[in-house]
Each structure stands twice: as structure tokens, then as C-alpha cells.
C-alpha atoms as a PDB file:
ATOM      1  CA  MET A   1       0.000   0.000   0.000  1.00  0.00           C
ATOM      2  CA  TYR A   2       2.875   2.384   0.792  1.00  0.00           C
ATOM      3  CA  ARG A   3       4.338   1.913  -2.677  1.00  0.00           C
ATOM      4  CA  ARG A   4       1.003   2.587  -4.379  1.00  0.00           C
ATOM      5  CA  GLY A   5       0.655   5.754  -2.283  1.00  0.00           C
ATOM      6  CA  LEU A   6       4.030   6.988  -3.489  1.00  0.00           C
ATOM      7  CA  ARG A   7       3.150   6.254  -7.103  1.00  0.00           C
ATOM      8  CA  ALA A   8      -0.174   8.049  -6.729  1.00  0.00           C
ATOM      9  CA  ARG A   9       1.522  11.100  -5.176  1.00  0.00           C
ATOM     10  CA  TYR A  10       4.077  11.205  -7.990  1.00  0.00           C
ATOM     11  CA  LEU A  11       1.304  10.953 -10.558  1.00  0.00           C
ATOM     12  CA  LEU A  12      -0.650  13.749  -8.891  1.00  0.00           C
ATOM     13  CA  LEU A  13       2.441  15.947  -8.895  1.00  0.00           C
ATOM     14  CA  CYS A  14       2.989  15.318 -12.598  1.00  0.00           C
ATOM     15  CA  VAL A  15      -0.616  16.005 -13.486  1.00  0.00           C
ATOM     16  CA  GLY A  16      -0.771  18.970 -11.125  1.00  0.00           C
ATOM     17  CA  ALA A  17       2.119  20.526 -13.011  1.00  0.00           C
ATOM     18  CA  CYS A  18      -0.028  20.639 -16.149  1.00  0.00           C
ATOM     19  CA  THR A  19      -2.002  23.794 -16.740  1.00  0.00           C
ATOM     20  CA  PRO A  20      -5.809  23.626 -16.785  1.00  0.00           C
ATOM     21  CA  ASP A  21      -5.734  24.074 -20.554  1.00  0.00           C
ATOM     22  CA  HIS A  22      -3.657  20.913 -21.054  1.00  0.00           C
ATOM     23  CA  HIS A  23      -4.288  19.429 -24.484  1.00  0.00           C
ATOM     24  CA  TYR A  24      -4.311  15.786 -25.447  1.00  0.00           C
ATOM     25  CA  ALA A  25      -3.527  14.263 -28.820  1.00  0.00           C
ATOM     26  CA  THR A  26      -5.778  14.826 -31.813  1.00  0.00           C
ATOM     27  CA  ALA A  27      -7.881  11.983 -33.204  1.00  0.00           C
ATOM     28  CA  LYS A  28      -6.755  10.731 -36.617  1.00  0.00           C
ATOM     29  CA  PRO A  29      -9.640   9.695 -38.882  1.00  0.00           C
ATOM     30  CA  GLY A  30      -9.222   6.240 -40.378  1.00  0.00           C
ATOM     31  CA  ASP A  31      -6.823   4.995 -37.687  1.00  0.00           C
ATOM     32  CA  THR A  32      -8.277   1.582 -36.777  1.00  0.00           C
ATOM     33  CA  SER A  33      -5.419   0.499 -34.496  1.00  0.00           C
ATOM     34  CA  THR A  34      -6.021   3.241 -31.933  1.00  0.00           C
ATOM     35  CA  LEU A  35      -9.054   4.045 -29.808  1.00  0.00           C
ATOM     36  CA  TYR A  36      -9.363   7.774 -29.129  1.00  0.00           C
ATOM     37  CA  VAL A  37     -10.893   8.442 -25.699  1.00  0.00           C
ATOM     38  CA  GLU A  38     -12.520  11.712 -24.590  1.00  0.00           C
ATOM     39  CA  LEU A  39     -12.032  11.948 -20.833  1.00  0.00           C
ATOM     40  CA  ALA A  40     -14.447  13.882 -18.620  1.00  0.00           C
ATOM     41  CA  THR A  41     -14.538  14.119 -14.839  1.00  0.00           C
ATOM     42  CA  GLU A  42     -17.377  15.154 -12.608  1.00  0.00           C
ATOM     43  CA  GLY A  43     -17.504  16.523  -9.087  1.00  0.00           C
ATOM     44  CA  SER A  44     -14.935  17.313  -6.471  1.00  0.00           C
ATOM     45  CA  HIS A  45     -11.364  15.986  -6.624  1.00  0.00           C
ATOM     46  CA  ASP A  46     -11.304  16.596 -10.376  1.00  0.00           C
ATOM     47  CA  GLY A  47      -7.491  16.482 -10.538  1.00  0.00           C
ATOM     48  CA  ALA A  48      -7.262  13.117  -8.797  1.00  0.00           C
ATOM     49  CA  LEU A  49     -10.080  11.663 -10.927  1.00  0.00           C
ATOM     50  CA  ARG A  50      -8.331  12.763 -14.111  1.00  0.00           C
ATOM     51  CA  ALA A  51      -4.902  11.617 -12.886  1.00  0.00           C
ATOM     52  CA  GLY A  52      -6.163   8.125 -12.107  1.00  0.00           C
ATOM     53  CA  ALA A  53      -7.954   7.744 -15.433  1.00  0.00           C
ATOM     54  CA  GLU A  54      -4.919   9.035 -17.359  1.00  0.00           C
ATOM     55  CA  ALA A  55      -2.622   6.636 -15.503  1.00  0.00           C
ATOM     56  CA  GLY A  56      -4.894   3.722 -16.367  1.00  0.00           C
ATOM     57  CA  LEU A  57      -5.097   4.756 -20.025  1.00  0.00           C
ATOM     58  CA  ALA A  58      -1.301   5.063 -20.166  1.00  0.00           C
ATOM     59  CA  ASN A  59      -1.151   1.300 -19.538  1.00  0.00           C
ATOM     60  CA  LEU A  60      -3.392   0.535 -22.525  1.00  0.00           C
ATOM     61  CA  LYS A  61      -1.290   0.774 -25.683  1.00  0.00           C
ATOM     62  CA  PHE A  62      -4.331   1.056 -27.957  1.00  0.00           C
ATOM     63  CA  ALA A  63      -6.058   3.913 -26.068  1.00  0.00           C
ATOM     64  CA  VAL A  64      -5.134   7.593 -26.482  1.00  0.00           C
ATOM     65  CA  PRO A  65      -6.852  10.493 -24.682  1.00  0.00           C
ATOM     66  CA  VAL A  66      -8.102  13.303 -26.954  1.00  0.00           C
ATOM     67  CA  ASP A  67      -9.775  16.675 -26.389  1.00  0.00           C
ATOM     68  CA  ARG A  68     -12.562  16.090 -28.912  1.00  0.00           C
ATOM     69  CA  ASP A  69     -13.804  13.806 -31.680  1.00  0.00           C
ATOM     70  CA  GLY A  70     -13.086  10.666 -29.655  1.00  0.00           C
ATOM     71  CA  ASP A  71     -14.270   7.220 -30.607  1.00  0.00           C
ATOM     72  CA  VAL A  72     -15.529   6.746 -27.048  1.00  0.00           C
ATOM     73  CA  GLY A  73     -16.180   8.952 -24.058  1.00  0.00           C
ATOM     74  CA  MET A  74     -15.148   8.101 -20.518  1.00  0.00           C
ATOM     75  CA  GLN A  75     -17.042   9.878 -17.699  1.00  0.00           C
ATOM     76  CA  VAL A  76     -15.251   9.456 -14.351  1.00  0.00           C
ATOM     77  CA  GLU A  77     -17.272  10.273 -11.220  1.00  0.00           C
ATOM     78  CA  LEU A  78     -16.608  10.095  -7.504  1.00  0.00           C
ATOM     79  CA  SER A  79     -19.584   8.246  -5.993  1.00  0.00           C
ATOM     80  CA  GLY A  80     -18.570   8.783  -2.399  1.00  0.00           C
ATOM     81  CA  MET A  81     -15.762   9.227   0.071  1.00  0.00           C
ATOM     82  CA  HIS A  82     -15.702   8.829   3.813  1.00  0.00           C
ATOM     83  CA  VAL A  83     -13.367   8.080   6.707  1.00  0.00           C
ATOM     84  CA  GLU A  84     -13.374   4.741   8.529  1.00  0.00           C
ATOM     85  CA  GLY A  85     -11.064   4.762  11.517  1.00  0.00           C
ATOM     86  CA  LYS A  86      -7.640   5.768  10.232  1.00  0.00           C
ATOM     87  CA  GLN A  87      -8.442   5.134   6.560  1.00  0.00           C
ATOM     88  CA  THR A  88     -10.146   7.035   3.768  1.00  0.00           C
ATOM     89  CA  VAL A  89     -12.564   5.025   1.632  1.00  0.00           C
ATOM     90  CA  CYS A  90     -13.518   6.177  -1.863  1.00  0.00           C
ATOM     91  CA  GLN A  91     -16.070   4.869  -4.356  1.00  0.00           C
ATOM     92  CA  MET A  92     -16.008   5.660  -8.059  1.00  0.00           C
ATOM     93  CA  LYS A  93     -17.861   4.853 -11.251  1.00  0.00           C
ATOM     94  CA  ILE A  94     -16.736   5.182 -14.846  1.00  0.00           C
ATOM     95  CA  LEU A  95     -19.228   5.320 -17.708  1.00  0.00           C
ATOM     96  CA  VAL A  96     -17.975   4.459 -21.192  1.00  0.00           C
ATOM     97  CA  THR A  97     -20.040   5.681 -24.154  1.00  0.00           C
ATOM     98  CA  ARG A  98     -19.699   5.661 -27.941  1.00  0.00           C
ATOM     99  CA  GLY A  99     -18.298   8.978 -29.135  1.00  0.00           C
ATOM    100  CA  GLN A 100     -20.888  10.231 -31.624  1.00  0.00           C
ATOM    101  CA  THR A 101     -24.051   8.489 -30.440  1.00  0.00           C
ATOM    102  CA  HIS A 102     -23.338   8.480 -26.698  1.00  0.00           C
ATOM    103  CA  ASP A 103     -24.715   4.931 -26.465  1.00  0.00           C
ATOM    104  CA  LEU A 104     -23.624   3.323 -23.214  1.00  0.00           C
ATOM    105  CA  LEU A 105     -20.943   0.651 -23.705  1.00  0.00           C
ATOM    106  CA  GLY A 106     -20.751  -0.117 -19.996  1.00  0.00           C
ATOM    107  CA  ILE A 107     -20.183   1.018 -16.441  1.00  0.00           C
ATOM    108  CA  ALA A 108     -17.311   0.112 -14.145  1.00  0.00           C
ATOM    109  CA  ASP A 109     -17.423   0.835 -10.448  1.00  0.00           C
ATOM    110  CA  GLY A 110     -15.354   0.042  -7.423  1.00  0.00           C
ATOM    111  CA  ALA A 111     -14.084   1.118  -4.036  1.00  0.00           C
ATOM    112  CA  ALA A 112     -10.657   1.495  -2.454  1.00  0.00           C
ATOM    113  CA  ARG A 113      -8.977   2.480   0.810  1.00  0.00           C
ATOM    114  CA  ALA A 114      -6.003   4.682   1.569  1.00  0.00           C
ATOM    115  CA  THR A 115      -4.195   5.081   4.858  1.00  0.00           C
ATOM    116  CA  GLY A 116      -4.854   8.446   6.479  1.00  0.00           C
ATOM    117  CA  THR A 117      -7.767  10.804   6.921  1.00  0.00           C
ATOM    118  CA  HIS A 118      -6.385  13.998   5.376  1.00  0.00           C
ATOM    119  CA  GLY A 119      -7.167  15.463   1.935  1.00  0.00           C
ATOM    120  CA  ARG A 120      -4.089  13.899   0.341  1.00  0.00           C
ATOM    121  CA  ALA A 121      -5.273  10.430   1.418  1.00  0.00           C
ATOM    122  CA  GLY A 122      -8.536  11.039  -0.442  1.00  0.00           C
ATOM    123  CA  ASP A 123      -6.700  12.067  -3.592  1.00  0.00           C
ATOM    124  CA  ASP A 124      -4.387   9.048  -3.308  1.00  0.00           C
ATOM    125  CA  CYS A 125      -7.380   6.751  -2.916  1.00  0.00           C
ATOM    126  CA  ILE A 126      -9.147   8.271  -5.933  1.00  0.00           C
ATOM    127  CA  ALA A 127      -6.106   8.247  -8.234  1.00  0.00           C
ATOM    128  CA  SER A 128      -5.184   4.679  -7.331  1.00  0.00           C
ATOM    129  CA  LEU A 129      -8.754   3.410  -7.748  1.00  0.00           C
ATOM    130  CA  GLY A 130      -9.202   5.218 -11.065  1.00  0.00           C
ATOM    131  CA  ALA A 131      -6.034   3.726 -12.543  1.00  0.00           C
ATOM    132  CA  SER A 132      -6.991   0.272 -11.286  1.00  0.00           C
ATOM    133  CA  LEU A 133     -10.536   0.459 -12.698  1.00  0.00           C
ATOM    134  CA  VAL A 134      -9.324   1.576 -16.132  1.00  0.00           C
ATOM    135  CA  ARG A 135      -6.676  -1.162 -16.286  1.00  0.00           C
ATOM    136  CA  GLY A 136      -9.168  -3.786 -15.107  1.00  0.00           C
ATOM    137  CA  LYS A 137     -12.908  -3.335 -15.617  1.00  0.00           C
ATOM    138  CA  VAL A 138     -12.784  -0.557 -18.226  1.00  0.00           C
ATOM    139  CA  ARG A 139     -10.209  -2.274 -20.476  1.00  0.00           C
ATOM    140  CA  PRO A 140     -12.718  -4.781 -21.960  1.00  0.00           C
ATOM    141  CA  LEU A 141     -15.188  -1.949 -22.628  1.00  0.00           C
ATOM    142  CA  LEU A 142     -12.515  -0.014 -24.505  1.00  0.00           C
ATOM    143  CA  GLN A 143     -11.474  -3.162 -26.372  1.00  0.00           C
ATOM    144  CA  ARG A 144     -15.116  -3.571 -27.433  1.00  0.00           C
ATOM    145  CA  GLY A 145     -15.080   0.025 -28.652  1.00  0.00           C
ATOM    146  CA  LEU A 146     -11.903  -0.630 -30.651  1.00  0.00           C
ATOM    147  CA  ALA A 147     -13.400  -3.796 -32.185  1.00  0.00           C
ATOM    148  CA  ALA A 148     -16.511  -1.871 -33.235  1.00  0.00           C
ATOM    149  CA  LYS A 149     -14.306   0.753 -34.850  1.00  0.00           C
ATOM    150  CA  ARG A 150     -12.632  -1.850 -37.050  1.00  0.00           C
END
């Protein structure tokens, strides 16, 4: 858990260094080997939500975040966060939709814990959970989107 916390902090620092007008790649029409993903976050802890989703996408060689004209959309939302004893618990859901039609491809949700009760523990929990969900439950949804594109 300590190691994951360090990785999450490093990731948050890297993403925090980006300006709010950070731009992703641009979708290339006709590229059937890459799935272009529009990433949107909702609610508080926006930076941590985005950092976790970006970290998860970075592990998927076929998925590239874009600002617009994506093949799929990924809506990342914090469902809840609370303190239990000396730990922070966070719950998240990620909705994956087709880019143009906004048809729902699927929903991934999960929960995680981080040691500590301060604000940084919440961000660590969110970033770690987001990356884990994208690498795990969201991956097959994105693979389905890539298959449909071909």
C-alpha cells in the first residue's frame, strides 16, 4: 500500500504541473489500431479523478486520450468518500459511451482504501482506484469500442 501511495503522489504531482488548458492528442480519422478516448470528470477531486484515469489509459497501448472527436467517451465520477477509523474510503464509477451516439458501452465501479484521513489520502485513494478500474474493468469496454471501430 505504501508503494502505491508513493506512485499516486508522484502521478498527482505530474498532473498537477499541467495547466488547466492541457491538451491531449488529436484523433486521426481512419486509424483503426487506436481508440481515441474523450475523458471527462465530474464533481470534487477533479485532478485526482483525471490523474487516475490518465494513468490507467497510459497502460493501454491502444487507447489515447483526446480533447474532442473521440471514438468513445469516458465519464469518471466520484460516488462517495468517507473516513473509517484511520483510513479514507472512496467509491467511483466510470461510464464508457460511444463517441458520436453516446450509447452506453458499460459502467465500471469500485471502491478502495487509503491510509490516512487527510485530503491527500482522499486524492491518493481516488487516483489509485481510477487507474486500477481503467486497467481492469474498463479495459474490456474499450477493447469492445476498438473492435466496433474496425
